[in-house]
Amino acid sequence: MSNNFHGGHWGQCLDLLSHLCQYGNDILLVTGPSGIGKSTMKEALISQDTEKFIVCEILATLSLTTEKLAERLDVECDSQDNKEILLLIDDAQNLSLEAITLLLQLKQKSVETGVLHIVLFATPELKQKVLRSVIKDEFFEQIHTIEIEPLTLAEVQAFLAHEWRKVYNSELLLSKSKCKKIYTLSGGIPGKAKHLAKEILAGKDGPQVQHDKSRLSPFAVGVTVSFGLLFCILAIVWPSADETSLKQSQTLAIATELTPNPTDNAVLSNAALENNEPIIEQAVATPMPAVDADEKMARLERKLEALQQQLSGEQEARRIAETKLTNHTQLYQQARNSTHETHLLAMPGQNYAIQLLGSGDEKKAQAFISNNKLTNKAYYYKGIHKGRPWFIVVTGNYSSKIEAQRALSKLPLALRKLRPWPRQYSKIQDSISKHSNND
């Protein structure tokens, strides 16, 4: 899947990821099985959003320690040049719990100014790891998940045709039946589909359906029946075991099980270390190195605070200038705002709405509200996305982010498939005001 393939659900996920990187406050988690296209989506994101951010790419290996991650972030903070940092971590399922905790702390400190944006690309094992730890509540409170789904049959055909044209500049030489076979065997996973297509085009038929070899031959049936009759006869004629001996054996076995073996703990620990099996409870309870980790954490915090102060100064100067203009232009802006935008501007800034849709076509936003029977329930406003007009549909008025998330889970399935997310009204109102000033 190249940067130029934006078919179906995959393209929608890429647009949502790009939008949330610019306007969202949460850590973004792009997840899906191996081969689904997470790394490709990372490269596509970099090619789209390089002007606004300083991009920092990190491949999370099992050898990546918290100290190495902190050092890398330290270097990126030093190179910050009045730009926000976009931290992209691939194979994030390999991150330790301590490294995840560090990212949560740094993101929380930069929420107000938006200096640091974090995107994790990981298989579902990352969520499973966190669910077994003490940081699960903090993690899921700060995470917004984008789950990449397998391709449909039509999308697999379009994907393979695109890959073929990219390499050979000609039409795909696979029949519909072979494309369907590739889709069935790959389960819609792009990486697997591409591998199977290469095998078939190379003259191989690919994996074959395994025949049922569970049926026994007549000879095997006869032998099985003979042994069954023999065991039945032995069970009848064999003398019963002495009950006293049996009880003594059971007592001895129980006593042996209850006797502690001083070497068991050592053997268990050594076996666990040799098999590289993490003990979650020990990992969570084990504190980070006291001196080095604290010092590096303090350095990162000081640098982020300095960046936040610098941006805060610029924002304060901008606010003062905007305040002077507001007194003269407020009535003018209200006249220019649509009925929908006027409604959104009247909402409490600290409350939350649910963002349902973003589209470059105003008529599509209007049709979406009408088709889903959301008139007087959902409203849209005009913003800018990638330098072009962008119409965003929101609904609801919730006093907290948690309340908005609860309401989100109760939306109809058709709306939940669009992957809506909570957004604070103050951010929405800032976007409306900025657009009004630009007009």
Protein backbone atom coordinates (compact mmCIF):
# COMPACT_ATOMS: atom_id res chain seq x y z
CA MET A 1 0.00 0.00 0.00
CA SER A 2 1.72 3.15 -1.16
CA ASN A 3 1.22 6.72 -0.09
CA ASN A 4 -0.99 7.27 -3.14
CA PHE A 5 -3.50 4.51 -2.26
CA HIS A 6 -6.37 6.03 -0.30
CA GLY A 7 -9.09 3.52 -1.01
CA GLY A 8 -12.08 2.92 1.24
CA HIS A 9 -11.70 2.64 5.00
CA TRP A 10 -7.90 2.97 4.94
CA GLY A 11 -8.10 6.40 3.29
CA GLN A 12 -10.73 7.53 5.80
CA CYS A 13 -8.46 6.50 8.69
CA LEU A 14 -5.58 8.47 7.18
CA ASP A 15 -7.71 11.63 6.85
CA LEU A 16 -8.96 11.25 10.43
CA LEU A 17 -5.40 10.72 11.72
CA SER A 18 -4.13 13.83 9.93
CA HIS A 19 -7.03 15.88 11.29
CA LEU A 20 -6.58 14.69 14.89
CA CYS A 21 -2.83 15.36 14.79
CA GLN A 22 -3.60 19.02 14.17
CA TYR A 23 -6.69 19.54 16.33
CA GLY A 24 -6.87 16.74 18.92
CA ASN A 25 -5.44 16.74 22.44
CA ASP A 26 -5.17 12.97 23.03
CA ILE A 27 -2.40 10.48 22.31
CA LEU A 28 -3.42 8.73 19.09
CA LEU A 29 -3.23 4.93 18.83
CA VAL A 30 -3.35 3.45 15.32
CA THR A 31 -3.90 -0.27 15.78
CA GLY A 32 -4.51 -3.41 13.76
CA PRO A 33 -2.90 -6.81 13.03
CA SER A 34 0.51 -7.14 11.37
CA GLY A 35 0.38 -6.34 7.65
CA ILE A 36 -2.73 -4.15 7.91
CA GLY A 37 -0.82 -1.00 6.80
CA LYS A 38 0.14 0.85 10.01
CA SER A 39 3.72 1.64 8.93
CA THR A 40 2.50 2.69 5.49
CA MET A 41 -0.02 5.02 7.11
CA LYS A 42 2.82 6.53 9.15
CA GLU A 43 4.78 7.28 5.97
CA ALA A 44 1.67 8.75 4.32
CA LEU A 45 1.09 10.97 7.35
CA ILE A 46 4.66 12.27 7.19
CA SER A 47 4.33 13.09 3.50
CA GLN A 48 1.15 15.09 4.18
CA ASP A 49 1.99 17.00 7.39
CA THR A 50 5.64 18.02 7.30
CA GLU A 51 5.32 21.81 7.25
CA LYS A 52 3.68 22.39 10.62
CA PHE A 53 5.63 19.84 12.66
CA ILE A 54 9.11 18.70 13.49
CA VAL A 55 8.65 14.95 12.87
CA CYS A 56 10.41 12.54 15.22
CA GLU A 57 10.25 8.86 14.16
CA ILE A 58 11.10 6.10 16.65
CA LEU A 59 11.04 2.33 16.08
CA ALA A 60 10.19 0.68 19.40
CA THR A 61 12.33 -2.43 19.77
CA LEU A 62 12.55 -4.70 22.80
CA SER A 63 15.92 -3.10 23.58
CA LEU A 64 14.48 0.46 23.69
CA THR A 65 14.76 1.51 27.33
CA THR A 66 13.04 4.41 29.03
CA GLU A 67 16.40 6.19 29.28
CA LYS A 68 17.03 5.91 25.52
CA LEU A 69 13.53 7.19 24.76
CA ALA A 70 14.03 10.15 27.13
CA GLU A 71 17.38 10.98 25.50
CA ARG A 72 15.81 10.95 22.02
CA LEU A 73 13.01 13.29 23.14
CA ASP A 74 15.62 15.49 24.81
CA VAL A 75 17.39 15.92 21.45
CA GLU A 76 14.13 16.72 19.65
CA CYS A 77 13.23 19.37 22.24
CA ASP A 78 16.64 21.00 21.66
CA SER A 79 15.99 21.14 17.89
CA GLN A 80 12.52 22.69 18.32
CA ASP A 81 12.30 25.81 16.15
CA ASN A 82 8.92 27.42 16.90
CA LYS A 83 7.27 24.27 15.57
CA GLU A 84 5.25 21.61 17.31
CA ILE A 85 6.77 18.14 17.71
CA LEU A 86 5.02 15.17 16.07
CA LEU A 87 6.34 12.00 17.75
CA LEU A 88 5.61 8.84 15.72
CA ILE A 89 6.42 5.51 17.42
CA ASP A 90 6.17 2.38 15.26
CA ASP A 91 5.86 -1.14 16.78
CA ALA A 92 4.71 0.54 20.00
CA GLN A 93 3.58 -2.81 21.40
CA ASN A 94 7.26 -3.31 22.32
CA LEU A 95 7.31 -0.27 24.64
CA SER A 96 7.78 -0.99 28.33
CA LEU A 97 5.21 0.16 30.86
CA GLU A 98 7.74 2.69 32.18
CA ALA A 99 8.19 4.17 28.69
CA ILE A 100 4.40 4.41 28.24
CA THR A 101 4.13 6.15 31.62
CA LEU A 102 6.78 8.67 30.52
CA LEU A 103 4.80 9.46 27.34
CA LEU A 104 1.59 9.93 29.33
CA GLN A 105 3.30 12.36 31.69
CA LEU A 106 4.89 14.41 28.90
CA LYS A 107 1.66 14.57 26.91
CA GLN A 108 -0.32 15.67 29.96
CA LYS A 109 2.12 18.55 30.55
CA SER A 110 1.80 19.78 26.96
CA VAL A 111 -2.01 19.55 26.59
CA GLU A 112 -2.64 23.27 27.06
CA THR A 113 -0.14 24.54 24.48
CA GLY A 114 -0.15 21.55 22.16
CA VAL A 115 3.65 21.51 21.76
CA LEU A 116 3.88 17.70 21.67
CA HIS A 117 1.72 15.36 19.57
CA ILE A 118 2.15 11.58 20.01
CA VAL A 119 1.00 8.84 17.64
CA LEU A 120 1.53 5.16 18.51
CA PHE A 121 1.37 2.51 15.78
CA ALA A 122 0.87 -0.89 17.42
CA THR A 123 -0.71 -4.32 17.20
CA PRO A 124 -3.54 -5.16 19.65
CA GLU A 125 -0.94 -6.60 22.07
CA LEU A 126 -0.27 -3.06 23.34
CA LYS A 127 -3.79 -2.70 24.76
CA GLN A 128 -3.58 -6.19 26.28
CA LYS A 129 -0.30 -5.27 28.00
CA VAL A 130 -1.74 -2.06 29.45
CA LEU A 131 -4.97 -3.76 30.57
CA ARG A 132 -2.91 -5.97 32.90
CA SER A 133 -1.11 -3.00 34.50
CA VAL A 134 -1.89 -0.29 37.04
CA ILE A 135 -1.72 2.50 34.43
CA LYS A 136 -4.72 1.26 32.42
CA ASP A 137 -7.14 3.96 33.64
CA GLU A 138 -4.69 6.80 32.94
CA PHE A 139 -3.75 5.29 29.57
CA PHE A 140 -7.27 4.87 28.18
CA GLU A 141 -8.32 8.30 29.46
CA GLN A 142 -5.64 9.96 27.29
CA ILE A 143 -5.86 7.65 24.24
CA HIS A 144 -7.95 8.02 21.08
CA THR A 145 -7.92 4.80 19.06
CA ILE A 146 -8.04 4.53 15.27
CA GLU A 147 -8.48 0.88 14.35
CA ILE A 148 -7.59 -0.11 10.78
CA GLU A 149 -10.00 -2.75 9.50
CA PRO A 150 -9.21 -5.41 6.84
CA LEU A 151 -9.96 -4.52 3.23
CA THR A 152 -13.16 -5.66 1.54
CA LEU A 153 -13.07 -7.79 -1.62
CA ALA A 154 -13.50 -4.71 -3.82
CA GLU A 155 -10.77 -2.87 -1.90
CA VAL A 156 -8.37 -5.83 -2.25
CA GLN A 157 -8.92 -5.77 -6.02
CA ALA A 158 -8.34 -2.01 -6.15
CA PHE A 159 -5.26 -2.31 -3.94
CA LEU A 160 -3.66 -5.07 -6.05
CA ALA A 161 -4.45 -3.15 -9.27
CA HIS A 162 -2.83 -0.04 -7.80
CA GLU A 163 0.31 -1.96 -6.74
CA TRP A 164 0.58 -3.56 -10.18
CA ARG A 165 0.26 -0.21 -12.01
CA LYS A 166 2.82 1.34 -9.69
CA VAL A 167 5.45 -1.29 -10.53
CA TYR A 168 4.65 -2.27 -14.14
CA ASN A 169 2.58 0.69 -15.41
CA SER A 170 -0.04 -1.68 -16.84
CA GLU A 171 -3.32 -3.31 -15.89
CA LEU A 172 -3.46 -6.18 -13.37
CA LEU A 173 -3.27 -9.67 -14.90
CA LEU A 174 -5.28 -11.43 -12.20
CA SER A 175 -8.78 -12.75 -12.84
CA LYS A 176 -11.69 -11.99 -10.51
CA SER A 177 -11.66 -15.59 -9.25
CA LYS A 178 -7.98 -15.36 -8.29
CA CYS A 179 -8.56 -11.99 -6.60
CA LYS A 180 -11.38 -13.59 -4.63
CA LYS A 181 -9.09 -16.46 -3.63
CA ILE A 182 -6.44 -13.98 -2.49
CA TYR A 183 -9.05 -12.09 -0.48
CA THR A 184 -10.28 -15.30 1.19
CA LEU A 185 -6.81 -16.55 2.11
CA SER A 186 -5.50 -13.15 3.26
CA GLY A 187 -8.57 -12.16 5.26
CA GLY A 188 -8.33 -8.68 3.72
CA ILE A 189 -4.87 -8.00 5.22
CA PRO A 190 -2.98 -5.94 2.58
CA GLY A 191 0.47 -7.36 3.40
CA LYS A 192 -0.75 -10.96 3.06
CA ALA A 193 -2.74 -10.15 -0.09
CA LYS A 194 0.33 -8.66 -1.75
CA HIS A 195 2.46 -11.72 -0.86
CA LEU A 196 -0.17 -14.16 -2.20
CA ALA A 197 -0.52 -12.16 -5.42
CA LYS A 198 3.24 -12.38 -5.99
CA GLU A 199 3.15 -16.16 -5.54
CA ILE A 200 0.26 -16.60 -7.97
CA LEU A 201 1.82 -14.30 -10.58
CA ALA A 202 5.06 -16.28 -10.23
CA GLY A 203 3.23 -19.46 -11.26
CA LYS A 204 2.46 -20.84 -7.82
CA ASP A 205 -1.08 -21.67 -6.82
CA GLY A 206 -0.61 -20.48 -3.25
CA PRO A 207 -1.80 -22.41 -0.20
CA GLN A 208 -4.22 -25.19 -0.98
CA VAL A 209 -7.26 -26.20 1.00
CA GLN A 210 -6.28 -29.02 3.29
CA HIS A 211 -8.20 -32.25 2.78
CA ASP A 212 -9.88 -33.93 5.71
CA LYS A 213 -7.53 -36.69 6.83
CA SER A 214 -9.45 -37.48 10.00
CA ARG A 215 -11.29 -40.50 8.48
CA LEU A 216 -9.85 -43.89 9.49
CA SER A 217 -9.20 -46.79 7.13
CA PRO A 218 -11.11 -50.11 7.65
CA PHE A 219 -7.94 -51.69 9.05
CA ALA A 220 -7.54 -48.91 11.61
CA VAL A 221 -11.21 -49.28 12.60
CA GLY A 222 -10.75 -53.03 13.13
CA VAL A 223 -7.66 -52.55 15.28
CA THR A 224 -9.42 -49.88 17.37
CA VAL A 225 -12.45 -52.15 18.00
CA SER A 226 -10.18 -55.08 18.95
CA PHE A 227 -8.29 -53.04 21.51
CA GLY A 228 -11.58 -51.74 22.91
CA LEU A 229 -12.89 -55.30 23.49
CA LEU A 230 -9.58 -56.33 25.06
CA PHE A 231 -9.70 -53.45 27.57
CA CYS A 232 -13.30 -54.32 28.46
CA ILE A 233 -12.34 -57.92 29.23
CA LEU A 234 -9.35 -56.85 31.34
CA ALA A 235 -11.52 -54.43 33.31
CA ILE A 236 -13.89 -57.28 34.23
CA VAL A 237 -11.37 -60.03 35.16
CA TRP A 238 -8.55 -57.92 36.67
CA PRO A 239 -8.53 -58.08 40.49
CA SER A 240 -9.47 -54.83 42.23
CA ALA A 241 -6.70 -52.83 43.83
CA ASP A 242 -6.16 -53.12 47.56
CA GLU A 243 -8.03 -50.16 49.12
CA THR A 244 -5.56 -49.83 52.01
CA SER A 245 -2.58 -49.59 49.67
CA LEU A 246 -4.44 -47.12 47.52
CA LYS A 247 -5.21 -44.85 50.49
CA GLN A 248 -1.57 -45.01 51.64
CA SER A 249 -0.41 -44.01 48.16
CA GLN A 250 -2.82 -41.08 48.08
CA THR A 251 -1.69 -39.91 51.54
CA LEU A 252 1.97 -40.08 50.49
CA ALA A 253 1.24 -38.13 47.28
CA ILE A 254 -0.61 -35.37 49.19
CA ALA A 255 2.21 -35.07 51.73
CA THR A 256 4.77 -34.82 48.93
CA GLU A 257 2.78 -32.03 47.24
CA LEU A 258 2.49 -30.06 50.48
CA THR A 259 6.22 -30.27 51.29
CA PRO A 260 7.89 -27.03 50.17
CA ASN A 261 10.85 -27.27 47.86
CA PRO A 262 13.37 -24.46 48.52
CA THR A 263 14.64 -24.57 44.95
CA ASP A 264 11.22 -24.12 43.31
CA ASN A 265 11.25 -20.33 43.44
CA ALA A 266 14.76 -20.11 42.03
CA VAL A 267 13.97 -22.58 39.25
CA LEU A 268 10.75 -20.71 38.38
CA SER A 269 12.53 -17.35 38.29
CA ASN A 270 15.37 -18.69 36.14
CA ALA A 271 12.92 -20.33 33.75
CA ALA A 272 10.97 -17.12 33.44
CA LEU A 273 14.15 -15.17 32.69
CA GLU A 274 15.35 -17.72 30.11
CA ASN A 275 12.00 -17.60 28.28
CA ASN A 276 11.89 -13.80 28.42
CA GLU A 277 8.51 -13.99 30.14
CA PRO A 278 7.66 -10.62 31.75
CA ILE A 279 6.13 -10.73 35.21
CA ILE A 280 3.64 -7.89 35.05
CA GLU A 281 3.24 -7.37 38.75
CA GLN A 282 7.01 -7.09 39.31
CA ALA A 283 7.41 -4.76 36.33
CA VAL A 284 4.75 -2.43 37.65
CA ALA A 285 5.99 -2.52 41.23
CA THR A 286 9.66 -2.06 40.32
CA PRO A 287 10.51 1.64 40.53
CA MET A 288 12.47 3.40 37.80
CA PRO A 289 16.13 4.14 38.53
CA ALA A 290 15.94 6.91 41.09
CA VAL A 291 18.69 9.28 39.99
CA ASP A 292 19.08 9.01 36.20
CA ALA A 293 15.37 8.73 35.35
CA ASP A 294 14.39 11.61 37.66
CA GLU A 295 17.11 13.88 36.28
CA LYS A 296 16.22 13.17 32.66
CA MET A 297 12.53 13.58 33.39
CA ALA A 298 13.23 16.91 35.10
CA ARG A 299 15.29 18.10 32.09
CA LEU A 300 12.49 17.20 29.68
CA GLU A 301 9.93 18.94 31.87
CA ARG A 302 12.05 22.10 32.05
CA LYS A 303 12.50 22.19 28.28
CA LEU A 304 8.81 21.64 27.66
CA GLU A 305 7.98 24.37 30.17
CA ALA A 306 10.37 26.74 28.37
CA LEU A 307 8.71 25.94 25.04
CA GLN A 308 5.29 26.38 26.59
CA GLN A 309 6.29 29.76 28.03
CA GLN A 310 7.62 30.86 24.64
CA LEU A 311 4.43 29.84 22.86
CA SER A 312 2.32 31.27 25.69
CA GLY A 313 4.02 34.65 25.23
CA GLU A 314 3.22 34.60 21.54
CA GLN A 315 -0.34 33.51 22.23
CA GLU A 316 -0.77 36.23 24.87
CA ALA A 317 0.40 38.89 22.43
CA ARG A 318 -2.02 37.51 19.87
CA ARG A 319 -4.85 37.49 22.41
CA ILE A 320 -4.24 41.15 23.28
CA ALA A 321 -4.35 42.13 19.62
CA GLU A 322 -7.47 40.06 19.04
CA THR A 323 -9.17 41.56 22.10
CA LYS A 324 -8.65 45.07 20.73
CA LEU A 325 -10.19 44.05 17.43
CA THR A 326 -13.06 42.10 18.98
CA ASN A 327 -14.70 45.18 20.49
CA HIS A 328 -15.00 46.68 17.01
CA THR A 329 -15.83 43.59 14.98
CA GLN A 330 -18.07 41.47 17.22
CA LEU A 331 -21.35 42.58 15.67
CA TYR A 332 -19.87 42.24 12.19
CA GLN A 333 -18.73 38.66 12.86
CA GLN A 334 -22.08 37.65 14.33
CA ALA A 335 -23.79 38.89 11.18
CA ARG A 336 -21.42 36.82 9.02
CA ASN A 337 -21.69 33.61 11.07
CA SER A 338 -24.25 31.04 9.98
CA THR A 339 -27.15 30.02 12.22
CA HIS A 340 -25.27 26.81 13.07
CA GLU A 341 -22.10 28.69 14.06
CA THR A 342 -24.08 31.20 16.16
CA HIS A 343 -25.57 28.26 18.10
CA LEU A 344 -22.11 26.74 18.69
CA LEU A 345 -20.64 30.07 19.82
CA ALA A 346 -23.36 30.32 22.50
CA MET A 347 -22.38 27.01 24.15
CA PRO A 348 -20.28 26.96 27.38
CA GLY A 349 -16.63 26.85 26.35
CA GLN A 350 -15.64 24.31 29.03
CA ASN A 351 -18.27 21.79 27.86
CA TYR A 352 -17.79 19.07 25.23
CA ALA A 353 -19.45 18.10 21.97
CA ILE A 354 -19.06 14.94 19.86
CA GLN A 355 -17.46 15.52 16.45
CA LEU A 356 -19.22 13.25 13.94
CA LEU A 357 -17.94 14.18 10.49
CA GLY A 358 -15.53 16.37 8.56
CA SER A 359 -16.03 17.03 4.83
CA GLY A 360 -14.68 19.37 2.18
CA ASP A 361 -18.20 19.77 0.75
CA GLU A 362 -20.76 21.88 2.66
CA LYS A 363 -23.66 20.15 0.90
CA LYS A 364 -22.43 16.77 2.14
CA ALA A 365 -22.38 18.07 5.72
CA GLN A 366 -25.96 19.35 5.31
CA ALA A 367 -27.10 16.08 3.73
CA PHE A 368 -25.44 14.08 6.53
CA ILE A 369 -27.48 15.96 9.17
CA SER A 370 -30.68 15.52 7.19
CA ASN A 371 -30.18 11.83 6.29
CA ASN A 372 -29.38 10.86 9.88
CA LYS A 373 -32.37 12.82 11.27
CA LEU A 374 -30.13 15.12 13.30
CA THR A 375 -31.85 18.42 12.48
CA ASN A 376 -31.76 20.67 15.56
CA LYS A 377 -29.49 18.07 17.19
CA ALA A 378 -26.31 18.41 15.13
CA TYR A 379 -24.66 21.59 13.81
CA TYR A 380 -21.77 22.27 11.45
CA TYR A 381 -19.20 25.02 11.14
CA LYS A 382 -16.57 25.99 8.62
CA GLY A 383 -12.86 25.56 9.31
CA ILE A 384 -9.66 25.04 7.35
CA HIS A 385 -7.97 21.66 6.80
CA LYS A 386 -4.80 21.33 4.69
CA GLY A 387 -5.37 24.83 3.34
CA ARG A 388 -8.88 24.20 2.06
CA PRO A 389 -12.40 24.77 3.50
CA TRP A 390 -13.51 22.00 5.84
CA PHE A 391 -17.07 21.60 7.22
CA ILE A 392 -17.26 19.86 10.61
CA VAL A 393 -20.46 18.37 12.09
CA VAL A 394 -20.82 18.17 15.89
CA THR A 395 -23.62 17.23 18.28
CA GLY A 396 -24.44 17.32 21.99
CA ASN A 397 -23.52 19.44 24.99
CA TYR A 398 -21.76 17.57 27.82
CA SER A 399 -20.26 18.93 31.02
CA SER A 400 -17.14 16.68 30.88
CA LYS A 401 -15.13 14.56 28.48
CA ILE A 402 -16.12 11.38 30.35
CA GLU A 403 -19.82 12.23 29.95
CA ALA A 404 -19.26 12.83 26.22
CA GLN A 405 -17.49 9.48 25.88
CA ARG A 406 -20.41 7.72 27.56
CA ALA A 407 -22.84 9.38 25.17
CA LEU A 408 -20.59 8.45 22.25
CA SER A 409 -20.83 4.75 23.14
CA LYS A 410 -24.65 4.99 22.93
CA LEU A 411 -24.75 6.47 19.42
CA PRO A 412 -26.29 4.38 16.62
CA LEU A 413 -23.91 1.88 15.02
CA ALA A 414 -23.88 3.81 11.73
CA LEU A 415 -22.53 6.89 13.52
CA ARG A 416 -20.07 4.93 15.70
CA LYS A 417 -18.51 3.46 12.55
CA LEU A 418 -17.41 7.00 11.63
CA ARG A 419 -15.18 6.96 14.75
CA PRO A 420 -16.52 10.15 16.39
CA TRP A 421 -14.56 11.75 19.23
CA PRO A 422 -15.17 14.31 22.04
CA ARG A 423 -14.09 17.89 21.41
CA GLN A 424 -14.23 20.87 23.76
CA TYR A 425 -16.45 23.78 22.73
CA SER A 426 -13.69 26.30 23.43
CA LYS A 427 -11.62 24.71 20.62
CA ILE A 428 -14.61 24.75 18.28
CA GLN A 429 -15.31 28.39 19.07
CA ASP A 430 -11.66 29.33 18.54
CA SER A 431 -11.80 27.70 15.10
CA ILE A 432 -15.01 29.56 14.19
CA SER A 433 -13.56 32.89 15.36
CA LYS A 434 -10.30 32.32 13.47
CA HIS A 435 -12.21 31.52 10.29
CA SER A 436 -14.39 34.63 10.72
CA ASN A 437 -11.29 36.82 11.15
CA ASN A 438 -9.66 35.33 8.04
CA ASP A 439 -12.80 36.02 5.99
